[in-house]
Amino acid sequence: MLGALKADRDRILEIRDRISELEQTIAALRDEQEAAQQRLDSYKYPVLTLPNEITSEIFIHFLGLPASEPPEIHSPHSPIRLTHICRKWRAVAIATPPLWKGLRVLVHPSRRELKGLPTLADMWLQRSGCCPLSIEFIGSIGKCGDELLSTFLSYSKRLQNLKLGLLPPRILPQIDSPMVLLRSLEFDFVGDSQVNELASWDMPELRTVALRGAESLEMVLPWEQLTSLSFHRIDPQICLPVLRKTPSLLFCTLDFNFGGYAYRPYTGSGIINLPALTSLVIQTHRREFFSTRILTDLVVPALQQLEVPESSLGEKPIDLLTSFISKSGCTPRKLFITDRKILVDGSNVTDQHYRSAFPSVVDFSSTIAPAHWDDSDAEDLDIEEFEGFGSESE
């Protein structure tokens, strides 16, 4: 019994000595830890030592925000991502108005953050300070869509580029003050959407307009002051008469690529004079969507660049182009023939034929129509089947 007690007392002494050794080791480790932490705390990352103005410029160049392509809220190019890095970067990003001068919103019912979008969009645009704004708003889902549209238009005095795609049809709010900065306006007509309430919009600096998918053009726009006009998926019988109202036009794109809905053949609208036009682009992938009368009707004395599908030039494309150029009195320097058809018997018009016929053209190029293309299949094709056609150069 006494022997066991003595053994326990000896063991306690050993444990006490061991604890003392471990405590000394722990104390030394804690001192080392504190010293290492002090060194870390005293270190400043070089990027965080930069002046805020330099950091702002880095942010702007890093995100690469062209005015024509504003970012979505949660896209890789969204400035919101910069606010999640650290406290200083968040403060710098919020205080850099150019980061917030563009916004693209696509409203879809599957978006979980749909209800908070109007508030978030307003906060975004408030951060833009006095910068001119570029806004894209596609879609409209009930109350949220109406709130978003009202939010964007509340910044009308600073709108420089505006793109709207509205579903379902709606009446645009009236804007009492002039939209003094607006230079580019684009409408994407979704379904049966109609936008004909623009007479109340005062747009003294509007120069560029793009319209997509309209089945009628009842809208009132300052056509006479436009320098660039694009029509996409619009019946030529509707859009071409509008050109009579655009004497200042420099650039024009006529894209007659249609999906599976009705099309009225172009029957002509009389001579259309565009005295200032320097660039004309015509696009179509169905012969019946285009008539040679379109070029017959146009008089463009200042034309420098022409892009046109060979299928729209009839059986004698060079003769038609020669007549068009002679009638207009123009001297085009750049000619791009798209969707050229290669015939098995070799009777097709070659690039050399075009170059010889138009010696004033210093920049000639062409693309070959897809090998499987057959005009007889045109009625059975949808618009998706045309995407990418004419993009391969040979």
Protein backbone atom coordinates (compact mmCIF):
# COMPACT_ATOMS: atom_id res chain seq x y z
CA MET A 1 0.00 0.00 0.00
CA LEU A 2 2.72 2.48 1.02
CA GLY A 3 4.65 1.60 -2.11
CA ALA A 4 1.71 2.48 -4.34
CA LEU A 5 1.28 5.89 -2.67
CA LYS A 6 4.95 6.69 -3.16
CA ALA A 7 4.68 5.77 -6.83
CA ASP A 8 1.74 8.17 -7.29
CA ARG A 9 3.65 11.02 -5.60
CA ASP A 10 6.64 10.41 -7.87
CA ARG A 11 4.32 10.34 -10.95
CA ILE A 12 2.76 13.67 -9.98
CA LEU A 13 6.21 15.24 -9.79
CA GLU A 14 7.06 13.91 -13.27
CA ILE A 15 3.79 15.25 -14.72
CA ARG A 16 4.40 18.66 -13.09
CA ASP A 17 7.85 18.85 -14.63
CA ARG A 18 6.43 17.79 -18.04
CA ILE A 19 3.67 20.42 -17.87
CA SER A 20 6.25 23.09 -17.06
CA GLU A 21 8.30 22.09 -20.09
CA LEU A 22 5.23 22.15 -22.35
CA GLU A 23 4.14 25.54 -21.01
CA GLN A 24 7.55 26.94 -21.84
CA THR A 25 7.30 25.48 -25.34
CA ILE A 26 3.77 26.91 -25.82
CA ALA A 27 4.93 30.31 -24.60
CA ALA A 28 7.79 30.28 -27.08
CA LEU A 29 5.41 29.29 -29.90
CA ARG A 30 3.01 32.08 -28.93
CA ASP A 31 5.85 34.60 -29.00
CA GLU A 32 6.83 33.36 -32.45
CA GLN A 33 3.21 33.51 -33.61
CA GLU A 34 2.84 37.10 -32.38
CA ALA A 35 6.04 38.16 -34.10
CA ALA A 36 4.93 36.59 -37.39
CA GLN A 37 1.52 38.28 -37.10
CA GLN A 38 3.16 41.64 -36.47
CA ARG A 39 5.24 41.20 -39.61
CA LEU A 40 2.09 40.36 -41.60
CA ASP A 41 0.20 43.30 -40.14
CA SER A 42 3.01 45.67 -41.03
CA TYR A 43 3.09 44.47 -44.68
CA LYS A 44 1.08 46.47 -47.22
CA TYR A 45 0.18 44.93 -50.58
CA PRO A 46 1.63 47.16 -53.31
CA VAL A 47 -1.71 47.41 -55.13
CA LEU A 48 -3.34 48.80 -52.00
CA THR A 49 -0.72 51.52 -51.72
CA LEU A 50 -1.68 53.01 -55.09
CA PRO A 51 -3.58 56.32 -55.11
CA ASN A 52 -7.31 55.84 -55.50
CA GLU A 53 -7.23 57.65 -58.86
CA ILE A 54 -4.79 55.08 -60.28
CA THR A 55 -6.85 52.19 -58.90
CA SER A 56 -9.95 53.66 -60.55
CA GLU A 57 -8.23 53.78 -63.92
CA ILE A 58 -7.07 50.18 -63.51
CA PHE A 59 -10.64 49.13 -62.76
CA ILE A 60 -11.98 50.90 -65.84
CA HIS A 61 -9.40 49.33 -68.17
CA PHE A 62 -9.66 45.91 -66.56
CA LEU A 63 -13.41 45.69 -67.02
CA GLY A 64 -13.21 47.08 -70.54
CA LEU A 65 -16.63 48.66 -70.80
CA PRO A 66 -17.50 49.81 -74.34
CA ALA A 67 -20.54 52.07 -74.38
CA SER A 68 -22.21 49.87 -76.99
CA GLU A 69 -22.04 46.76 -74.79
CA PRO A 70 -23.05 47.59 -71.22
CA PRO A 71 -22.57 44.76 -68.70
CA GLU A 72 -25.25 42.71 -67.02
CA ILE A 73 -25.48 43.00 -63.25
CA HIS A 74 -23.94 39.60 -62.53
CA SER A 75 -21.75 39.19 -65.62
CA PRO A 76 -17.94 38.77 -65.44
CA HIS A 77 -17.62 42.42 -66.51
CA SER A 78 -19.89 43.72 -63.79
CA PRO A 79 -18.26 46.30 -61.47
CA ILE A 80 -20.16 44.68 -58.60
CA ARG A 81 -17.48 41.98 -58.63
CA LEU A 82 -14.88 44.57 -57.65
CA THR A 83 -16.89 45.48 -54.56
CA HIS A 84 -16.49 41.92 -53.23
CA ILE A 85 -12.67 41.89 -53.07
CA CYS A 86 -11.93 44.02 -50.04
CA ARG A 87 -13.17 47.08 -48.19
CA LYS A 88 -10.85 49.54 -49.95
CA TRP A 89 -11.63 48.24 -53.43
CA ARG A 90 -15.33 48.42 -52.68
CA ALA A 91 -15.01 52.08 -51.68
CA VAL A 92 -12.94 52.90 -54.77
CA ALA A 93 -15.32 51.08 -57.15
CA ILE A 94 -18.40 52.77 -55.73
CA ALA A 95 -16.69 56.15 -56.03
CA THR A 96 -15.76 55.59 -59.72
CA PRO A 97 -18.78 56.77 -61.80
CA PRO A 98 -17.53 55.52 -65.23
CA LEU A 99 -17.79 51.93 -63.95
CA TRP A 100 -21.55 52.34 -63.60
CA LYS A 101 -22.39 54.26 -66.78
CA GLY A 102 -23.78 51.22 -68.62
CA LEU A 103 -26.29 48.53 -67.65
CA ARG A 104 -27.94 45.65 -69.47
CA VAL A 105 -30.98 43.94 -67.95
CA LEU A 106 -32.70 40.89 -69.39
CA VAL A 107 -35.89 40.24 -67.45
CA HIS A 108 -36.97 36.61 -67.35
CA PRO A 109 -39.45 35.05 -64.89
CA SER A 110 -36.90 32.39 -63.88
CA ARG A 111 -34.59 35.01 -62.36
CA ARG A 112 -34.64 34.71 -58.59
CA GLU A 113 -33.59 38.30 -57.99
CA LEU A 114 -36.41 39.65 -60.18
CA LYS A 115 -38.22 41.54 -57.41
CA GLY A 116 -35.12 43.42 -56.31
CA LEU A 117 -33.97 44.42 -59.80
CA PRO A 118 -35.56 47.90 -59.91
CA THR A 119 -33.91 48.89 -56.62
CA LEU A 120 -30.56 47.42 -57.65
CA ALA A 121 -30.72 49.10 -61.07
CA ASP A 122 -31.50 52.47 -59.48
CA MET A 123 -28.60 52.11 -57.04
CA TRP A 124 -26.32 51.16 -59.96
CA LEU A 125 -27.27 54.25 -61.98
CA GLN A 126 -26.98 56.57 -58.98
CA ARG A 127 -23.34 55.55 -58.70
CA SER A 128 -22.75 56.72 -62.29
CA GLY A 129 -22.70 60.34 -61.15
CA CYS A 130 -23.02 62.67 -64.14
CA CYS A 131 -21.76 60.19 -66.78
CA PRO A 132 -23.74 59.68 -70.01
CA LEU A 133 -25.62 56.38 -69.78
CA SER A 134 -25.98 53.33 -72.02
CA ILE A 135 -29.01 51.21 -71.15
CA GLU A 136 -30.28 47.93 -72.58
CA PHE A 137 -33.58 46.58 -71.31
CA ILE A 138 -34.95 43.40 -72.88
CA GLY A 139 -38.28 41.96 -71.78
CA SER A 140 -40.97 43.03 -69.38
CA ILE A 141 -42.65 40.91 -66.76
CA GLY A 142 -45.63 42.69 -65.22
CA LYS A 143 -45.05 45.15 -62.41
CA CYS A 144 -41.29 44.54 -62.15
CA GLY A 145 -40.78 45.28 -65.84
CA ASP A 146 -42.82 48.47 -65.60
CA GLU A 147 -40.80 49.60 -62.58
CA LEU A 148 -37.54 48.90 -64.40
CA LEU A 149 -38.65 50.82 -67.48
CA SER A 150 -39.71 53.78 -65.34
CA THR A 151 -36.40 53.65 -63.47
CA PHE A 152 -34.36 53.77 -66.66
CA LEU A 153 -36.42 56.54 -68.22
CA SER A 154 -36.14 58.61 -65.04
CA TYR A 155 -32.50 59.14 -66.10
CA SER A 156 -33.58 60.40 -69.54
CA LYS A 157 -31.45 63.55 -69.34
CA ARG A 158 -28.29 61.42 -69.19
CA LEU A 159 -29.29 58.66 -71.63
CA GLN A 160 -26.84 58.48 -74.54
CA ASN A 161 -27.57 54.98 -75.89
CA LEU A 162 -30.89 53.22 -75.33
CA LYS A 163 -32.01 49.76 -76.44
CA LEU A 164 -35.47 48.44 -75.62
CA GLY A 165 -37.06 45.08 -76.32
CA LEU A 166 -40.54 45.10 -74.83
CA LEU A 167 -42.92 42.22 -74.18
CA PRO A 168 -45.92 42.39 -74.05
CA PRO A 169 -46.89 45.54 -76.00
CA ARG A 170 -46.96 48.66 -73.86
CA ILE A 171 -47.27 52.39 -74.06
CA LEU A 172 -44.02 54.18 -73.31
CA PRO A 173 -44.13 56.80 -70.57
CA GLN A 174 -44.13 60.42 -71.61
CA ILE A 175 -40.85 62.27 -71.08
CA ASP A 176 -41.34 65.99 -70.56
CA SER A 177 -37.74 67.19 -70.70
CA PRO A 178 -35.51 66.89 -73.81
CA MET A 179 -33.24 63.83 -74.01
CA VAL A 180 -30.31 66.08 -74.82
CA LEU A 181 -27.62 63.38 -74.87
CA LEU A 182 -29.45 60.57 -76.67
CA ARG A 183 -27.58 59.69 -79.88
CA SER A 184 -28.43 56.01 -80.38
CA LEU A 185 -31.86 54.36 -80.12
CA GLU A 186 -32.66 50.71 -80.76
CA PHE A 187 -35.98 48.88 -80.58
CA ASP A 188 -36.35 45.11 -80.72
CA PHE A 189 -40.02 44.38 -81.39
CA VAL A 190 -40.94 41.16 -79.55
CA GLY A 191 -44.06 39.36 -80.71
CA ASP A 192 -46.75 41.89 -81.58
CA SER A 193 -45.11 44.72 -79.67
CA GLN A 194 -45.75 48.17 -81.09
CA VAL A 195 -43.99 51.36 -80.07
CA ASN A 196 -45.82 54.33 -81.48
CA GLU A 197 -45.78 56.76 -78.58
CA LEU A 198 -42.44 58.47 -79.31
CA ALA A 199 -43.91 61.74 -80.55
CA SER A 200 -43.58 63.11 -77.01
CA TRP A 201 -39.86 62.30 -76.84
CA ASP A 202 -37.66 65.25 -77.71
CA MET A 203 -34.36 63.80 -79.04
CA PRO A 204 -32.42 66.69 -80.64
CA GLU A 205 -29.09 64.78 -80.87
CA LEU A 206 -30.44 61.42 -82.07
CA ARG A 207 -28.31 60.18 -84.97
CA THR A 208 -28.42 56.36 -84.93
CA VAL A 209 -31.54 54.17 -85.01
CA ALA A 210 -31.85 50.36 -85.28
CA LEU A 211 -35.21 48.62 -85.56
CA ARG A 212 -35.73 44.85 -85.39
CA GLY A 213 -38.78 42.75 -86.13
CA ALA A 214 -41.38 45.51 -86.56
CA GLU A 215 -44.48 44.54 -88.50
CA SER A 216 -45.38 48.20 -88.98
CA LEU A 217 -43.59 51.52 -88.55
CA GLU A 218 -46.11 53.90 -87.06
CA MET A 219 -43.64 55.45 -84.66
CA VAL A 220 -42.70 59.09 -84.95
CA LEU A 221 -38.94 59.65 -85.03
CA PRO A 222 -36.78 62.59 -86.18
CA TRP A 223 -35.89 60.70 -89.38
CA GLU A 224 -34.45 63.77 -91.11
CA GLN A 225 -31.57 64.14 -88.62
CA LEU A 226 -30.42 60.49 -88.65
CA THR A 227 -27.00 59.57 -90.03
CA SER A 228 -27.19 55.80 -89.39
CA LEU A 229 -30.25 53.58 -89.83
CA SER A 230 -30.57 49.79 -89.59
CA PHE A 231 -33.60 47.63 -90.33
CA HIS A 232 -33.52 43.97 -89.29
CA ARG A 233 -36.23 41.38 -90.02
CA ILE A 234 -38.57 44.08 -91.34
CA ASP A 235 -40.64 43.83 -94.52
CA PRO A 236 -38.91 45.93 -97.21
CA GLN A 237 -42.32 47.14 -98.34
CA ILE A 238 -42.57 48.82 -94.91
CA CYS A 239 -39.05 50.05 -94.20
CA LEU A 240 -37.86 51.30 -97.59
CA PRO A 241 -40.41 54.16 -97.88
CA VAL A 242 -39.05 55.44 -94.56
CA LEU A 243 -35.73 56.14 -96.34
CA ARG A 244 -37.42 59.00 -98.17
CA LYS A 245 -37.43 60.83 -94.84
CA THR A 246 -33.67 60.40 -94.18
CA PRO A 247 -31.75 62.89 -96.38
CA SER A 248 -28.80 63.04 -93.95
CA LEU A 249 -28.21 59.28 -93.87
CA LEU A 250 -24.55 58.18 -94.10
CA PHE A 251 -24.85 54.48 -93.17
CA CYS A 252 -27.72 52.12 -93.91
CA THR A 253 -28.22 48.40 -93.20
CA LEU A 254 -31.19 46.50 -94.66
CA ASP A 255 -31.39 42.98 -93.23
CA PHE A 256 -34.27 41.00 -94.75
CA ASN A 257 -33.67 37.68 -92.96
CA PHE A 258 -37.06 36.36 -91.94
CA GLY A 259 -38.38 33.55 -89.79
CA GLY A 260 -41.55 31.61 -90.46
CA TYR A 261 -43.98 34.49 -90.90
CA ALA A 262 -45.61 36.17 -93.86
CA TYR A 263 -43.58 38.24 -96.27
CA ARG A 264 -44.83 40.59 -98.98
CA PRO A 265 -42.64 40.79 -102.10
CA TYR A 266 -41.23 44.23 -102.68
CA THR A 267 -43.08 45.91 -105.53
CA GLY A 268 -41.21 49.19 -105.54
CA SER A 269 -41.86 52.58 -103.99
CA GLY A 270 -40.42 54.95 -106.59
CA ILE A 271 -37.03 56.64 -106.66
CA ILE A 272 -35.42 57.09 -103.21
CA ASN A 273 -32.66 59.71 -103.14
CA LEU A 274 -30.04 59.40 -100.41
CA PRO A 275 -27.50 62.10 -101.35
CA ALA A 276 -25.17 61.64 -98.36
CA LEU A 277 -25.17 57.83 -98.09
CA THR A 278 -21.63 56.39 -98.10
CA SER A 279 -22.25 52.80 -96.89
CA LEU A 280 -25.08 50.43 -97.87
CA VAL A 281 -25.38 46.88 -96.51
CA ILE A 282 -28.10 44.56 -97.80
CA GLN A 283 -28.51 41.12 -96.25
CA THR A 284 -30.89 38.30 -97.15
CA HIS A 285 -30.73 34.53 -97.55
CA ARG A 286 -33.89 33.95 -99.54
CA ARG A 287 -34.30 35.02 -103.15
CA GLU A 288 -38.00 35.73 -102.76
CA PHE A 289 -37.23 38.11 -99.90
CA PHE A 290 -35.61 40.58 -102.26
CA SER A 291 -36.30 42.16 -105.59
CA THR A 292 -33.83 43.82 -107.91
CA ARG A 293 -36.23 46.79 -107.82
CA ILE A 294 -34.74 47.78 -104.47
CA LEU A 295 -31.44 48.76 -106.09
CA THR A 296 -33.35 50.14 -109.04
CA ASP A 297 -35.19 52.53 -106.73
CA LEU A 298 -32.12 53.80 -104.85
CA VAL A 299 -30.04 56.78 -106.00
CA VAL A 300 -26.88 57.14 -103.89
CA PRO A 301 -24.31 59.50 -105.50
CA ALA A 302 -21.90 59.49 -102.53
CA LEU A 303 -21.79 55.69 -102.04
CA GLN A 304 -18.33 54.34 -101.16
CA GLN A 305 -19.10 50.88 -99.71
CA LEU A 306 -21.66 48.33 -100.89
CA GLU A 307 -22.45 44.89 -99.48
CA VAL A 308 -25.10 42.88 -101.28
CA PRO A 309 -25.98 39.17 -101.72
CA GLU A 310 -25.47 37.88 -105.25
CA SER A 311 -28.80 36.04 -105.09
CA SER A 312 -30.56 39.42 -105.01
CA LEU A 313 -28.90 40.70 -108.20
CA GLY A 314 -30.89 38.58 -110.63
CA GLU A 315 -29.59 36.53 -113.52
CA LYS A 316 -27.11 39.22 -114.63
CA PRO A 317 -25.60 40.63 -111.41
CA ILE A 318 -22.87 42.66 -113.12
CA ASP A 319 -25.36 44.33 -115.47
CA LEU A 320 -27.61 45.27 -112.55
CA LEU A 321 -24.73 46.67 -110.50
CA THR A 322 -23.43 48.60 -113.50
CA SER A 323 -26.86 50.13 -114.04
CA PHE A 324 -27.20 50.95 -110.34
CA ILE A 325 -23.78 52.64 -110.15
CA SER A 326 -24.33 54.54 -113.41
CA LYS A 327 -27.78 55.76 -112.36
CA SER A 328 -26.48 56.91 -108.98
CA GLY A 329 -23.36 58.52 -110.40
CA CYS A 330 -21.28 57.03 -107.56
CA THR A 331 -17.78 55.57 -107.52
CA PRO A 332 -17.74 52.82 -104.87
CA ARG A 333 -14.34 51.92 -103.48
CA LYS A 334 -15.35 48.80 -101.56
CA LEU A 335 -17.58 46.00 -102.86
CA PHE A 336 -18.58 42.89 -100.88
CA ILE A 337 -20.65 40.23 -102.68
CA THR A 338 -22.13 37.71 -100.26
CA ASP A 339 -23.65 34.26 -100.84
CA ARG A 340 -22.14 33.75 -104.27
CA LYS A 341 -23.45 30.62 -105.94
CA ILE A 342 -20.99 28.23 -107.58
CA LEU A 343 -22.65 26.46 -110.51
CA VAL A 344 -21.62 22.99 -111.63
CA ASP A 345 -21.34 24.03 -115.28
CA GLY A 346 -18.98 26.87 -114.36
CA SER A 347 -21.25 29.58 -115.77
CA ASN A 348 -21.27 31.56 -112.55
CA VAL A 349 -19.81 35.07 -112.27
CA THR A 350 -16.33 34.89 -110.76
CA ASP A 351 -14.45 37.35 -108.57
CA GLN A 352 -12.33 38.29 -111.57
CA HIS A 353 -15.46 39.20 -113.53
CA TYR A 354 -16.46 41.62 -110.78
CA ARG A 355 -12.99 43.13 -110.54
CA SER A 356 -12.81 43.66 -114.29
CA ALA A 357 -16.29 45.20 -114.45
CA PHE A 358 -15.63 47.67 -111.64
CA PRO A 359 -12.02 48.91 -111.84
CA SER A 360 -12.72 51.78 -109.41
CA VAL A 361 -13.22 49.23 -106.61
CA VAL A 362 -9.97 48.92 -104.69
CA ASP A 363 -11.30 46.57 -101.99
CA PHE A 364 -13.28 43.61 -103.33
CA SER A 365 -14.29 40.50 -101.40
CA SER A 366 -16.94 37.80 -101.54
CA THR A 367 -18.34 34.79 -99.70
CA ILE A 368 -19.68 31.54 -101.12
CA ALA A 369 -23.25 30.46 -100.36
CA PRO A 370 -23.54 27.26 -98.25
CA ALA A 371 -23.20 24.15 -100.42
CA HIS A 372 -26.52 22.70 -99.23
CA TRP A 373 -28.48 25.88 -100.02
CA ASP A 374 -31.53 25.31 -102.20
CA ASP A 375 -34.07 28.04 -102.93
CA SER A 376 -36.82 25.43 -103.07
CA ASP A 377 -36.31 24.79 -99.36
CA ALA A 378 -36.76 28.43 -98.38
CA GLU A 379 -40.33 28.16 -97.15
CA ASP A 380 -39.45 25.35 -94.74
CA LEU A 381 -36.56 27.09 -92.99
CA ASP A 382 -36.63 29.03 -89.73
CA ILE A 383 -34.54 32.02 -88.79
CA GLU A 384 -32.24 29.89 -86.59
CA GLU A 385 -31.08 28.02 -89.69
CA PHE A 386 -29.72 31.23 -91.15
CA GLU A 387 -27.46 32.15 -88.26
CA GLY A 388 -23.87 32.16 -89.39
CA PHE A 389 -24.60 31.96 -93.11
CA GLY A 390 -22.36 34.07 -95.28
CA SER A 391 -19.62 34.22 -92.65
CA GLU A 392 -17.13 31.97 -94.40
CA SER A 393 -14.83 33.73 -96.78
CA GLU A 394 -13.19 32.00 -99.72
